[in-house]
Structure formats: structure tokens, C-alpha cells
Amino acid sequence: MKKIFHLLIVSLCLSFISISAHASQRAVQGWQKIEQGAMIVDVRTPQEYASGHLENAVNFPLAELDRHFAKVDKTHPIVVYCKSGNRSGIAYNFLVEQGFTQVHNGGGLEEMLKAK
């Protein structure tokens, strides 16, 4: 029983490490794309955006993406982020479905700031 418990704990720890490694990698890739000229899009609410955001980011709330991206070139590089990476993941999927070809989910704001 101790051995099973130990293996479970080790497995959980490795899962968290793996998630952290993945999360920071997407943020690092996001910064690389931003340095190459990608548009930075914060998909949080205006209130969240007002409390702090990445420099040069535009605020296109998730619920209004269709309106904000109506006139954006679908081949222009875009990095989306939110608070945790969940809403930016939804935004990523939406934009890809709409035909945008260079979209990247940078994850959450804190994640992006730590990776800078």
C-alpha cells in the first residue's frame, strides 16, 4: 500500500512539473512571436485588462472576438492570452476555425510576465 501511495504522489508531482513546463514553453514561444511582430491580444474583460496587461496588448474580450477580428488580416501573427490560458485557448480555437493561420495561445498573464 505504501508503494502504491508513493507512486501516486510521484506521478502527481511529475504531472504538475509537466504542466508547468508546457505552460512556460507556450509563454516563451509567445514572446518569440511578439518580438517578431505578432499582435498581442488580451481576451479578458475590460475590468481585468484595466487592472494590468502586457505592454502593447489590445483588449478584445472573448465574447466580442468576432466583432474585433472582422477586419484583421487572417495571415497576421497573433498571440492571445488571458488570466490562466483557458479563455485564450477558446479564443485560439475560435480564430483558427475562422481561418486565421498564425495564432498562438501564450497562456495566462502571469505566465507571460514570468517568461519575459
PDB file of N, CA and C in Angstrom:
ATOM      1  N   MET A   1       0.817  -1.192   0.000  1.00  0.00           N
ATOM      2  CA  MET A   1       0.000   0.000   0.000  1.00  0.00           C
ATOM      3  C   MET A   1       0.863   1.259   0.000  1.00  0.00           C
ATOM      4  N   LYS A   2       1.961   1.249   0.807  1.00  0.00           N
ATOM      5  CA  LYS A   2       2.865   2.401   0.839  1.00  0.00           C
ATOM      6  C   LYS A   2       3.475   2.648  -0.533  1.00  0.00           C
ATOM      7  N   LYS A   3       3.802   1.565  -1.209  1.00  0.00           N
ATOM      8  CA  LYS A   3       4.427   1.670  -2.524  1.00  0.00           C
ATOM      9  C   LYS A   3       3.461   2.305  -3.532  1.00  0.00           C
ATOM     10  N   ILE A   4       2.217   1.912  -3.498  1.00  0.00           N
ATOM     11  CA  ILE A   4       1.205   2.478  -4.396  1.00  0.00           C
ATOM     12  C   ILE A   4       1.001   3.950  -4.090  1.00  0.00           C
ATOM     13  N   PHE A   5       0.921   4.288  -2.801  1.00  0.00           N
ATOM     14  CA  PHE A   5       0.753   5.685  -2.398  1.00  0.00           C
ATOM     15  C   PHE A   5       1.940   6.517  -2.875  1.00  0.00           C
ATOM     16  N   HIS A   6       3.151   5.997  -2.690  1.00  0.00           N
ATOM     17  CA  HIS A   6       4.356   6.685  -3.128  1.00  0.00           C
ATOM     18  C   HIS A   6       4.346   6.913  -4.643  1.00  0.00           C
ATOM     19  N   LEU A   7       3.983   5.880  -5.386  1.00  0.00           N
ATOM     20  CA  LEU A   7       3.922   6.008  -6.843  1.00  0.00           C
ATOM     21  C   LEU A   7       2.875   7.035  -7.268  1.00  0.00           C
ATOM     22  N   LEU A   8       1.764   7.075  -6.563  1.00  0.00           N
ATOM     23  CA  LEU A   8       0.717   8.056  -6.860  1.00  0.00           C
ATOM     24  C   LEU A   8       1.236   9.468  -6.627  1.00  0.00           C
ATOM     25  N   ILE A   9       1.914   9.694  -5.515  1.00  0.00           N
ATOM     26  CA  ILE A   9       2.468  11.011  -5.204  1.00  0.00           C
ATOM     27  C   ILE A   9       3.500  11.417  -6.254  1.00  0.00           C
ATOM     28  N   VAL A  10       4.399  10.521  -6.585  1.00  0.00           N
ATOM     29  CA  VAL A  10       5.413  10.813  -7.606  1.00  0.00           C
ATOM     30  C   VAL A  10       4.752  11.140  -8.935  1.00  0.00           C
ATOM     31  N   SER A  11       3.745  10.375  -9.304  1.00  0.00           N
ATOM     32  CA  SER A  11       3.025  10.606 -10.551  1.00  0.00           C
ATOM     33  C   SER A  11       2.363  11.972 -10.569  1.00  0.00           C
ATOM     34  N   LEU A  12       1.725  12.341  -9.459  1.00  0.00           N
ATOM     35  CA  LEU A  12       1.086  13.660  -9.378  1.00  0.00           C
ATOM     36  C   LEU A  12       2.117  14.779  -9.483  1.00  0.00           C
ATOM     37  N   CYS A  13       3.234  14.631  -8.805  1.00  0.00           N
ATOM     38  CA  CYS A  13       4.294  15.643  -8.869  1.00  0.00           C
ATOM     39  C   CYS A  13       4.817  15.798 -10.289  1.00  0.00           C
ATOM     40  N   LEU A  14       5.045  14.699 -10.956  1.00  0.00           N
ATOM     41  CA  LEU A  14       5.523  14.752 -12.335  1.00  0.00           C
ATOM     42  C   LEU A  14       4.494  15.395 -13.253  1.00  0.00           C
ATOM     43  N   SER A  15       3.224  15.172 -12.988  1.00  0.00           N
ATOM     44  CA  SER A  15       2.166  15.786 -13.781  1.00  0.00           C
ATOM     45  C   SER A  15       2.199  17.296 -13.639  1.00  0.00           C
ATOM     46  N   PHE A  16       2.365  17.776 -12.399  1.00  0.00           N
ATOM     47  CA  PHE A  16       2.420  19.217 -12.173  1.00  0.00           C
ATOM     48  C   PHE A  16       3.647  19.829 -12.827  1.00  0.00           C
ATOM     49  N   ILE A  17       4.788  19.151 -12.734  1.00  0.00           N
ATOM     50  CA  ILE A  17       6.010  19.633 -13.377  1.00  0.00           C
ATOM     51  C   ILE A  17       5.804  19.688 -14.878  1.00  0.00           C
ATOM     52  N   SER A  18       5.206  18.673 -15.427  1.00  0.00           N
ATOM     53  CA  SER A  18       4.947  18.604 -16.859  1.00  0.00           C
ATOM     54  C   SER A  18       4.031  19.729 -17.307  1.00  0.00           C
ATOM     55  N   ILE A  19       2.988  20.003 -16.523  1.00  0.00           N
ATOM     56  CA  ILE A  19       2.068  21.085 -16.861  1.00  0.00           C
ATOM     57  C   ILE A  19       2.803  22.411 -16.814  1.00  0.00           C
ATOM     58  N   SER A  20       3.631  22.639 -15.795  1.00  0.00           N
ATOM     59  CA  SER A  20       4.381  23.884 -15.676  1.00  0.00           C
ATOM     60  C   SER A  20       5.344  24.055 -16.837  1.00  0.00           C
ATOM     61  N   ALA A  21       6.017  22.988 -17.213  1.00  0.00           N
ATOM     62  CA  ALA A  21       6.965  23.066 -18.320  1.00  0.00           C
ATOM     63  C   ALA A  21       6.241  23.428 -19.601  1.00  0.00           C
ATOM     64  N   HIS A  22       5.090  22.809 -19.832  1.00  0.00           N
ATOM     65  CA  HIS A  22       4.315  23.116 -21.031  1.00  0.00           C
ATOM     66  C   HIS A  22       3.847  24.563 -21.011  1.00  0.00           C
ATOM     67  N   ALA A  23       3.353  24.989 -19.865  1.00  0.00           N
ATOM     68  CA  ALA A  23       2.812  26.334 -19.747  1.00  0.00           C
ATOM     69  C   ALA A  23       3.889  27.367 -20.021  1.00  0.00           C
ATOM     70  N   SER A  24       5.063  27.216 -19.444  1.00  0.00           N
ATOM     71  CA  SER A  24       6.102  28.207 -19.651  1.00  0.00           C
ATOM     72  C   SER A  24       6.628  28.166 -21.086  1.00  0.00           C
ATOM     73  N   GLN A  25       6.628  27.000 -21.695  1.00  0.00           N
ATOM     74  CA  GLN A  25       7.082  26.890 -23.082  1.00  0.00           C
ATOM     75  C   GLN A  25       6.170  27.680 -24.011  1.00  0.00           C
ATOM     76  N   ARG A  26       4.858  27.618 -23.777  1.00  0.00           N
ATOM     77  CA  ARG A  26       3.948  28.368 -24.647  1.00  0.00           C
ATOM     78  C   ARG A  26       4.135  29.863 -24.450  1.00  0.00           C
ATOM     79  N   ALA A  27       4.447  30.287 -23.233  1.00  0.00           N
ATOM     80  CA  ALA A  27       4.688  31.705 -22.988  1.00  0.00           C
ATOM     81  C   ALA A  27       5.984  32.157 -23.669  1.00  0.00           C
ATOM     82  N   VAL A  28       7.017  31.344 -23.583  1.00  0.00           N
ATOM     83  CA  VAL A  28       8.287  31.661 -24.241  1.00  0.00           C
ATOM     84  C   VAL A  28       8.070  31.781 -25.747  1.00  0.00           C
ATOM     85  N   GLN A  29       7.333  30.842 -26.311  1.00  0.00           N
ATOM     86  CA  GLN A  29       7.032  30.907 -27.749  1.00  0.00           C
ATOM     87  C   GLN A  29       6.208  32.138 -28.077  1.00  0.00           C
ATOM     88  N   GLY A  30       5.312  32.510 -27.163  1.00  0.00           N
ATOM     89  CA  GLY A  30       4.518  33.718 -27.359  1.00  0.00           C
ATOM     90  C   GLY A  30       5.398  34.949 -27.463  1.00  0.00           C
ATOM     91  N   TRP A  31       6.368  35.072 -26.565  1.00  0.00           N
ATOM     92  CA  TRP A  31       7.285  36.215 -26.604  1.00  0.00           C
ATOM     93  C   TRP A  31       8.118  36.222 -27.879  1.00  0.00           C
ATOM     94  N   GLN A  32       8.522  35.054 -28.337  1.00  0.00           N
ATOM     95  CA  GLN A  32       9.278  34.992 -29.592  1.00  0.00           C
ATOM     96  C   GLN A  32       8.442  35.541 -30.743  1.00  0.00           C
ATOM     97  N   LYS A  33       7.175  35.177 -30.770  1.00  0.00           N
ATOM     98  CA  LYS A  33       6.287  35.662 -31.828  1.00  0.00           C
ATOM     99  C   LYS A  33       6.027  37.158 -31.686  1.00  0.00           C
ATOM    100  N   ILE A  34       5.894  37.637 -30.455  1.00  0.00           N
ATOM    101  CA  ILE A  34       5.690  39.069 -30.220  1.00  0.00           C
ATOM    102  C   ILE A  34       6.910  39.854 -30.696  1.00  0.00           C
ATOM    103  N   GLU A  35       8.102  39.360 -30.389  1.00  0.00           N
ATOM    104  CA  GLU A  35       9.333  40.020 -30.828  1.00  0.00           C
ATOM    105  C   GLU A  35       9.440  40.065 -32.348  1.00  0.00           C
ATOM    106  N   GLN A  36       8.763  39.140 -33.021  1.00  0.00           N
ATOM    107  CA  GLN A  36       8.773  39.105 -34.482  1.00  0.00           C
ATOM    108  C   GLN A  36       7.609  39.892 -35.081  1.00  0.00           C
ATOM    109  N   GLY A  37       6.844  40.602 -34.237  1.00  0.00           N
ATOM    110  CA  GLY A  37       5.787  41.473 -34.729  1.00  0.00           C
ATOM    111  C   GLY A  37       4.360  40.997 -34.565  1.00  0.00           C
ATOM    112  N   ALA A  38       4.141  39.960 -33.800  1.00  0.00           N
ATOM    113  CA  ALA A  38       2.775  39.463 -33.611  1.00  0.00           C
ATOM    114  C   ALA A  38       1.925  40.478 -32.842  1.00  0.00           C
ATOM    115  N   MET A  39       0.661  40.510 -33.192  1.00  0.00           N
ATOM    116  CA  MET A  39      -0.319  41.322 -32.484  1.00  0.00           C
ATOM    117  C   MET A  39      -0.588  40.647 -31.139  1.00  0.00           C
ATOM    118  N   ILE A  40      -0.617  41.423 -30.033  1.00  0.00           N
ATOM    119  CA  ILE A  40      -0.849  40.878 -28.698  1.00  0.00           C
ATOM    120  C   ILE A  40      -2.297  41.167 -28.313  1.00  0.00           C
ATOM    121  N   VAL A  41      -3.060  40.113 -28.042  1.00  0.00           N
ATOM    122  CA  VAL A  41      -4.482  40.270 -27.742  1.00  0.00           C
ATOM    123  C   VAL A  41      -4.809  39.685 -26.373  1.00  0.00           C
ATOM    124  N   ASP A  42      -5.311  40.553 -25.493  1.00  0.00           N
ATOM    125  CA  ASP A  42      -5.778  40.167 -24.161  1.00  0.00           C
ATOM    126  C   ASP A  42      -7.270  39.894 -24.294  1.00  0.00           C
ATOM    127  N   VAL A  43      -7.702  38.662 -24.034  1.00  0.00           N
ATOM    128  CA  VAL A  43      -9.111  38.309 -24.232  1.00  0.00           C
ATOM    129  C   VAL A  43      -9.915  38.354 -22.930  1.00  0.00           C
ATOM    130  N   ARG A  44      -9.346  38.962 -21.895  1.00  0.00           N
ATOM    131  CA  ARG A  44     -10.063  39.108 -20.625  1.00  0.00           C
ATOM    132  C   ARG A  44     -11.080  40.248 -20.725  1.00  0.00           C
ATOM    133  N   THR A  45     -11.823  40.434 -19.666  1.00  0.00           N
ATOM    134  CA  THR A  45     -12.815  41.513 -19.625  1.00  0.00           C
ATOM    135  C   THR A  45     -12.108  42.868 -19.560  1.00  0.00           C
ATOM    136  N   PRO A  46     -12.804  43.949 -19.921  1.00  0.00           N
ATOM    137  CA  PRO A  46     -12.196  45.282 -19.805  1.00  0.00           C
ATOM    138  C   PRO A  46     -11.734  45.595 -18.373  1.00  0.00           C
ATOM    139  N   GLN A  47     -12.468  45.116 -17.383  1.00  0.00           N
ATOM    140  CA  GLN A  47     -12.076  45.350 -15.996  1.00  0.00           C
ATOM    141  C   GLN A  47     -10.756  44.639 -15.663  1.00  0.00           C
ATOM    142  N   GLU A  48     -10.620  43.403 -16.124  1.00  0.00           N
ATOM    143  CA  GLU A  48      -9.373  42.668 -15.892  1.00  0.00           C
ATOM    144  C   GLU A  48      -8.218  43.346 -16.623  1.00  0.00           C
ATOM    145  N   TYR A  49      -8.470  43.755 -17.848  1.00  0.00           N
ATOM    146  CA  TYR A  49      -7.456  44.437 -18.657  1.00  0.00           C
ATOM    147  C   TYR A  49      -6.995  45.713 -17.956  1.00  0.00           C
ATOM    148  N   ALA A  50      -7.945  46.485 -17.411  1.00  0.00           N
ATOM    149  CA  ALA A  50      -7.629  47.744 -16.736  1.00  0.00           C
ATOM    150  C   ALA A  50      -6.772  47.526 -15.492  1.00  0.00           C
ATOM    151  N   SER A  51      -6.872  46.350 -14.889  1.00  0.00           N
ATOM    152  CA  SER A  51      -6.093  46.075 -13.683  1.00  0.00           C
ATOM    153  C   SER A  51      -4.645  45.695 -13.988  1.00  0.00           C
ATOM    154  N   GLY A  52      -4.309  45.535 -15.250  1.00  0.00           N
ATOM    155  CA  GLY A  52      -2.951  45.210 -15.669  1.00  0.00           C
ATOM    156  C   GLY A  52      -2.945  44.339 -16.906  1.00  0.00           C
ATOM    157  N   HIS A  53      -2.036  44.640 -17.826  1.00  0.00           N
ATOM    158  CA  HIS A  53      -1.954  43.889 -19.080  1.00  0.00           C
ATOM    159  C   HIS A  53      -0.547  44.006 -19.657  1.00  0.00           C
ATOM    160  N   LEU A  54      -0.278  43.209 -20.674  1.00  0.00           N
ATOM    161  CA  LEU A  54       1.017  43.289 -21.346  1.00  0.00           C
ATOM    162  C   LEU A  54       1.101  44.586 -22.145  1.00  0.00           C
ATOM    163  N   GLU A  55       2.288  45.142 -22.174  1.00  0.00           N
ATOM    164  CA  GLU A  55       2.525  46.354 -22.951  1.00  0.00           C
ATOM    165  C   GLU A  55       2.173  46.100 -24.419  1.00  0.00           C
ATOM    166  N   ASN A  56       1.492  47.033 -25.021  1.00  0.00           N
ATOM    167  CA  ASN A  56       1.070  46.992 -26.430  1.00  0.00           C
ATOM    168  C   ASN A  56      -0.051  46.002 -26.717  1.00  0.00           C
ATOM    169  N   ALA A  57      -0.623  45.408 -25.683  1.00  0.00           N
ATOM    170  CA  ALA A  57      -1.736  44.480 -25.905  1.00  0.00           C
ATOM    171  C   ALA A  57      -3.021  45.261 -26.159  1.00  0.00           C
ATOM    172  N   VAL A  58      -3.843  44.716 -27.047  1.00  0.00           N
ATOM    173  CA  VAL A  58      -5.180  45.259 -27.256  1.00  0.00           C
ATOM    174  C   VAL A  58      -6.157  44.374 -26.498  1.00  0.00           C
ATOM    175  N   ASN A  59      -7.249  44.966 -26.045  1.00  0.00           N
ATOM    176  CA  ASN A  59      -8.243  44.218 -25.296  1.00  0.00           C
ATOM    177  C   ASN A  59      -9.419  43.874 -26.197  1.00  0.00           C
ATOM    178  N   PHE A  60      -9.472  42.613 -26.613  1.00  0.00           N
ATOM    179  CA  PHE A  60     -10.580  42.087 -27.394  1.00  0.00           C
ATOM    180  C   PHE A  60     -11.222  41.004 -26.531  1.00  0.00           C
ATOM    181  N   PRO A  61     -12.204  41.358 -25.685  1.00  0.00           N
ATOM    182  CA  PRO A  61     -12.817  40.361 -24.810  1.00  0.00           C
ATOM    183  C   PRO A  61     -13.329  39.147 -25.584  1.00  0.00           C
ATOM    184  N   LEU A  62     -13.223  37.992 -24.962  1.00  0.00           N
ATOM    185  CA  LEU A  62     -13.606  36.732 -25.598  1.00  0.00           C
ATOM    186  C   LEU A  62     -14.988  36.800 -26.223  1.00  0.00           C
ATOM    187  N   ALA A  63     -15.949  37.384 -25.527  1.00  0.00           N
ATOM    188  CA  ALA A  63     -17.330  37.439 -26.022  1.00  0.00           C
ATOM    189  C   ALA A  63     -17.494  38.332 -27.251  1.00  0.00           C
ATOM    190  N   GLU A  64     -16.474  39.138 -27.569  1.00  0.00           N
ATOM    191  CA  GLU A  64     -16.569  40.083 -28.693  1.00  0.00           C
ATOM    192  C   GLU A  64     -15.555  39.807 -29.795  1.00  0.00           C
ATOM    193  N   LEU A  65     -14.949  38.621 -29.795  1.00  0.00           N
ATOM    194  CA  LEU A  65     -13.890  38.339 -30.768  1.00  0.00           C
ATOM    195  C   LEU A  65     -14.342  38.497 -32.209  1.00  0.00           C
ATOM    196  N   ASP A  66     -15.529  38.010 -32.523  1.00  0.00           N
ATOM    197  CA  ASP A  66     -15.982  38.079 -33.919  1.00  0.00           C
ATOM    198  C   ASP A  66     -16.023  39.520 -34.411  1.00  0.00           C
ATOM    199  N   ARG A  67     -16.467  40.433 -33.567  1.00  0.00           N
ATOM    200  CA  ARG A  67     -16.541  41.855 -33.947  1.00  0.00           C
ATOM    201  C   ARG A  67     -15.145  42.466 -34.093  1.00  0.00           C
ATOM    202  N   HIS A  68     -14.269  42.199 -33.156  1.00  0.00           N
ATOM    203  CA  HIS A  68     -12.939  42.803 -33.169  1.00  0.00           C
ATOM    204  C   HIS A  68     -12.039  42.259 -34.282  1.00  0.00           C
ATOM    205  N   PHE A  69     -12.212  41.006 -34.621  1.00  0.00           N
ATOM    206  CA  PHE A  69     -11.342  40.404 -35.633  1.00  0.00           C
ATOM    207  C   PHE A  69     -11.926  40.458 -37.047  1.00  0.00           C
ATOM    208  N   ALA A  70     -13.048  41.107 -37.214  1.00  0.00           N
ATOM    209  CA  ALA A  70     -13.699  41.166 -38.525  1.00  0.00           C
ATOM    210  C   ALA A  70     -12.802  41.776 -39.598  1.00  0.00           C
ATOM    211  N   LYS A  71     -11.955  42.737 -39.223  1.00  0.00           N
ATOM    212  CA  LYS A  71     -11.126  43.418 -40.217  1.00  0.00           C
ATOM    213  C   LYS A  71      -9.630  43.153 -40.037  1.00  0.00           C
ATOM    214  N   VAL A  72      -9.293  42.142 -39.260  1.00  0.00           N
ATOM    215  CA  VAL A  72      -7.886  41.798 -39.042  1.00  0.00           C
ATOM    216  C   VAL A  72      -7.447  40.805 -40.116  1.00  0.00           C
ATOM    217  N   ASP A  73      -6.268  41.043 -40.665  1.00  0.00           N
ATOM    218  CA  ASP A  73      -5.694  40.155 -41.683  1.00  0.00           C
ATOM    219  C   ASP A  73      -5.529  38.757 -41.089  1.00  0.00           C
ATOM    220  N   LYS A  74      -6.093  37.762 -41.733  1.00  0.00           N
ATOM    221  CA  LYS A  74      -6.075  36.388 -41.215  1.00  0.00           C
ATOM    222  C   LYS A  74      -4.700  35.734 -41.296  1.00  0.00           C
ATOM    223  N   THR A  75      -3.742  36.381 -41.951  1.00  0.00           N
ATOM    224  CA  THR A  75      -2.391  35.825 -42.017  1.00  0.00           C
ATOM    225  C   THR A  75      -1.435  36.535 -41.054  1.00  0.00           C
ATOM    226  N   HIS A  76      -1.902  37.585 -40.375  1.00  0.00           N
ATOM    227  CA  HIS A  76      -1.040  38.318 -39.438  1.00  0.00           C
ATOM    228  C   HIS A  76      -0.835  37.485 -38.173  1.00  0.00           C
ATOM    229  N   PRO A  77       0.397  37.395 -37.675  1.00  0.00           N
ATOM    230  CA  PRO A  77       0.654  36.641 -36.439  1.00  0.00           C
ATOM    231  C   PRO A  77      -0.068  37.275 -35.245  1.00  0.00           C
ATOM    232  N   ILE A  78      -0.660  36.427 -34.412  1.00  0.00           N
ATOM    233  CA  ILE A  78      -1.434  36.874 -33.257  1.00  0.00           C
ATOM    234  C   ILE A  78      -1.070  36.002 -32.062  1.00  0.00           C
ATOM    235  N   VAL A  79      -0.851  36.646 -30.912  1.00  0.00           N
ATOM    236  CA  VAL A  79      -0.664  35.934 -29.650  1.00  0.00           C
ATOM    237  C   VAL A  79      -1.811  36.339 -28.742  1.00  0.00           C
ATOM    238  N   VAL A  80      -2.574  35.367 -28.279  1.00  0.00           N
ATOM    239  CA  VAL A  80      -3.679  35.628 -27.357  1.00  0.00           C
ATOM    240  C   VAL A  80      -3.289  35.164 -25.956  1.00  0.00           C
ATOM    241  N   TYR A  81      -3.782  35.887 -24.957  1.00  0.00           N
ATOM    242  CA  TYR A  81      -3.571  35.477 -23.579  1.00  0.00           C
ATOM    243  C   TYR A  81      -4.765  35.921 -22.739  1.00  0.00           C
ATOM    244  N   CYS A  82      -4.871  35.372 -21.530  1.00  0.00           N
ATOM    245  CA  CYS A  82      -5.961  35.728 -20.613  1.00  0.00           C
ATOM    246  C   CYS A  82      -5.415  35.673 -19.189  1.00  0.00           C
ATOM    247  N   LYS A  83      -6.190  35.171 -18.257  1.00  0.00           N
ATOM    248  CA  LYS A  83      -5.723  35.056 -16.877  1.00  0.00           C
ATOM    249  C   LYS A  83      -4.974  33.745 -16.652  1.00  0.00           C
ATOM    250  N   SER A  84      -5.512  32.651 -17.183  1.00  0.00           N
ATOM    251  CA  SER A  84      -4.919  31.338 -16.903  1.00  0.00           C
ATOM    252  C   SER A  84      -4.555  30.535 -18.142  1.00  0.00           C
ATOM    253  N   GLY A  85      -5.033  30.949 -19.294  1.00  0.00           N
ATOM    254  CA  GLY A  85      -4.806  30.194 -20.514  1.00  0.00           C
ATOM    255  C   GLY A  85      -6.053  29.496 -21.021  1.00  0.00           C
ATOM    256  N   ASN A  86      -7.111  29.471 -20.221  1.00  0.00           N
ATOM    257  CA  ASN A  86      -8.346  28.806 -20.651  1.00  0.00           C
ATOM    258  C   ASN A  86      -9.101  29.616 -21.703  1.00  0.00           C
ATOM    259  N   ARG A  87      -9.381  30.870 -21.396  1.00  0.00           N
ATOM    260  CA  ARG A  87     -10.106  31.701 -22.373  1.00  0.00           C
ATOM    261  C   ARG A  87      -9.269  31.940 -23.621  1.00  0.00           C
ATOM    262  N   SER A  88      -7.958  32.072 -23.450  1.00  0.00           N
ATOM    263  CA  SER A  88      -7.119  32.250 -24.638  1.00  0.00           C
ATOM    264  C   SER A  88      -7.112  30.973 -25.480  1.00  0.00           C
ATOM    265  N   GLY A  89      -7.279  29.820 -24.853  1.00  0.00           N
ATOM    266  CA  GLY A  89      -7.413  28.570 -25.607  1.00  0.00           C
ATOM    267  C   GLY A  89      -8.691  28.546 -26.421  1.00  0.00           C
ATOM    268  N   ILE A  90      -9.762  29.044 -25.832  1.00  0.00           N
ATOM    269  CA  ILE A  90     -11.040  29.145 -26.554  1.00  0.00           C
ATOM    270  C   ILE A  90     -10.890  30.131 -27.705  1.00  0.00           C
ATOM    271  N   ALA A  91     -10.239  31.262 -27.437  1.00  0.00           N
ATOM    272  CA  ALA A  91     -10.015  32.273 -28.483  1.00  0.00           C
ATOM    273  C   ALA A  91      -9.172  31.692 -29.613  1.00  0.00           C
ATOM    274  N   TYR A  92      -8.121  30.959 -29.250  1.00  0.00           N
ATOM    275  CA  TYR A  92      -7.270  30.310 -30.245  1.00  0.00           C
ATOM    276  C   TYR A  92      -8.104  29.418 -31.164  1.00  0.00           C
ATOM    277  N   ASN A  93      -8.907  28.546 -30.569  1.00  0.00           N
ATOM    278  CA  ASN A  93      -9.741  27.635 -31.367  1.00  0.00           C
ATOM    279  C   ASN A  93     -10.712  28.403 -32.263  1.00  0.00           C
ATOM    280  N   PHE A  94     -11.335  29.438 -31.723  1.00  0.00           N
ATOM    281  CA  PHE A  94     -12.272  30.244 -32.499  1.00  0.00           C
ATOM    282  C   PHE A  94     -11.570  30.866 -33.707  1.00  0.00           C
ATOM    283  N   LEU A  95     -10.410  31.473 -33.472  1.00  0.00           N
ATOM    284  CA  LEU A  95      -9.700  32.154 -34.560  1.00  0.00           C
ATOM    285  C   LEU A  95      -9.240  31.174 -35.634  1.00  0.00           C
ATOM    286  N   VAL A  96      -8.755  30.032 -35.226  1.00  0.00           N
ATOM    287  CA  VAL A  96      -8.346  29.013 -36.202  1.00  0.00           C
ATOM    288  C   VAL A  96      -9.551  28.568 -37.027  1.00  0.00           C
ATOM    289  N   GLU A  97     -10.688  28.371 -36.367  1.00  0.00           N
ATOM    290  CA  GLU A  97     -11.909  27.985 -37.086  1.00  0.00           C
ATOM    291  C   GLU A  97     -12.346  29.070 -38.071  1.00  0.00           C
ATOM    292  N   GLN A  98     -12.020  30.320 -37.772  1.00  0.00           N
ATOM    293  CA  GLN A  98     -12.388  31.435 -38.643  1.00  0.00           C
ATOM    294  C   GLN A  98     -11.386  31.627 -39.782  1.00  0.00           C
ATOM    295  N   GLY A  99     -10.323  30.840 -39.802  1.00  0.00           N
ATOM    296  CA  GLY A  99      -9.365  30.898 -40.896  1.00  0.00           C
ATOM    297  C   GLY A  99      -8.077  31.641 -40.597  1.00  0.00           C
ATOM    298  N   PHE A 100      -7.874  32.062 -39.357  1.00  0.00           N
ATOM    299  CA  PHE A 100      -6.607  32.714 -39.003  1.00  0.00           C
ATOM    300  C   PHE A 100      -5.524  31.644 -38.985  1.00  0.00           C
ATOM    301  N   THR A 101      -4.384  31.962 -39.587  1.00  0.00           N
ATOM    302  CA  THR A 101      -3.373  30.930 -39.813  1.00  0.00           C
ATOM    303  C   THR A 101      -2.153  31.016 -38.902  1.00  0.00           C
ATOM    304  N   GLN A 102      -1.986  32.141 -38.196  1.00  0.00           N
ATOM    305  CA  GLN A 102      -0.803  32.288 -37.348  1.00  0.00           C
ATOM    306  C   GLN A 102      -1.201  32.749 -35.944  1.00  0.00           C
ATOM    307  N   VAL A 103      -1.946  31.908 -35.252  1.00  0.00           N
ATOM    308  CA  VAL A 103      -2.423  32.229 -33.905  1.00  0.00           C
ATOM    309  C   VAL A 103      -1.656  31.382 -32.896  1.00  0.00           C
ATOM    310  N   HIS A 104      -1.324  31.996 -31.771  1.00  0.00           N
ATOM    311  CA  HIS A 104      -0.629  31.274 -30.703  1.00  0.00           C
ATOM    312  C   HIS A 104      -1.268  31.610 -29.365  1.00  0.00           C
ATOM    313  N   ASN A 105      -1.509  30.594 -28.538  1.00  0.00           N
ATOM    314  CA  ASN A 105      -2.018  30.781 -27.183  1.00  0.00           C
ATOM    315  C   ASN A 105      -0.830  30.937 -26.245  1.00  0.00           C
ATOM    316  N   GLY A 106      -0.610  32.166 -25.772  1.00  0.00           N
ATOM    317  CA  GLY A 106       0.500  32.439 -24.864  1.00  0.00           C
ATOM    318  C   GLY A 106       0.225  32.026 -23.431  1.00  0.00           C
ATOM    319  N   GLY A 107      -1.027  31.705 -23.115  1.00  0.00           N
ATOM    320  CA  GLY A 107      -1.386  31.273 -21.766  1.00  0.00           C
ATOM    321  C   GLY A 107      -1.942  32.411 -20.935  1.00  0.00           C
ATOM    322  N   GLY A 108      -1.528  32.462 -19.673  1.00  0.00           N
ATOM    323  CA  GLY A 108      -2.031  33.467 -18.744  1.00  0.00           C
ATOM    324  C   GLY A 108      -1.096  34.659 -18.615  1.00  0.00           C
ATOM    325  N   LEU A 109      -1.631  35.756 -18.114  1.00  0.00           N
ATOM    326  CA  LEU A 109      -0.848  36.991 -17.956  1.00  0.00           C
ATOM    327  C   LEU A 109       0.384  36.768 -17.080  1.00  0.00           C
ATOM    328  N   GLU A 110       0.206  36.194 -15.905  1.00  0.00           N
ATOM    329  CA  GLU A 110       1.345  35.957 -15.008  1.00  0.00           C
ATOM    330  C   GLU A 110       2.364  35.030 -15.664  1.00  0.00           C
ATOM    331  N   GLU A 111       1.870  34.040 -16.360  1.00  0.00           N
ATOM    332  CA  GLU A 111       2.742  33.098 -17.076  1.00  0.00           C
ATOM    333  C   GLU A 111       3.587  33.840 -18.114  1.00  0.00           C
ATOM    334  N   MET A 112       2.940  34.725 -18.843  1.00  0.00           N
ATOM    335  CA  MET A 112       3.641  35.518 -19.861  1.00  0.00           C
ATOM    336  C   MET A 112       4.676  36.439 -19.206  1.00  0.00           C
ATOM    337  N   LEU A 113       4.290  37.088 -18.111  1.00  0.00           N
ATOM    338  CA  LEU A 113       5.211  38.003 -17.437  1.00  0.00           C
ATOM    339  C   LEU A 113       6.428  37.264 -16.886  1.00  0.00           C
ATOM    340  N   LYS A 114       6.232  36.074 -16.349  1.00  0.00           N
ATOM    341  CA  LYS A 114       7.347  35.287 -15.816  1.00  0.00           C
ATOM    342  C   LYS A 114       8.291  34.831 -16.924  1.00  0.00           C
ATOM    343  N   ALA A 115       7.758  34.612 -18.107  1.00  0.00           N
ATOM    344  CA  ALA A 115       8.579  34.098 -19.216  1.00  0.00           C
ATOM    345  C   ALA A 115       9.350  35.203 -19.932  1.00  0.00           C
ATOM    346  N   LYS A 116       9.019  36.437 -19.655  1.00  0.00           N
ATOM    347  CA  LYS A 116       9.663  37.555 -20.379  1.00  0.00           C
ATOM    348  C   LYS A 116      11.105  37.707 -19.995  1.00  0.00           C
TER     349      LYS A 116
END
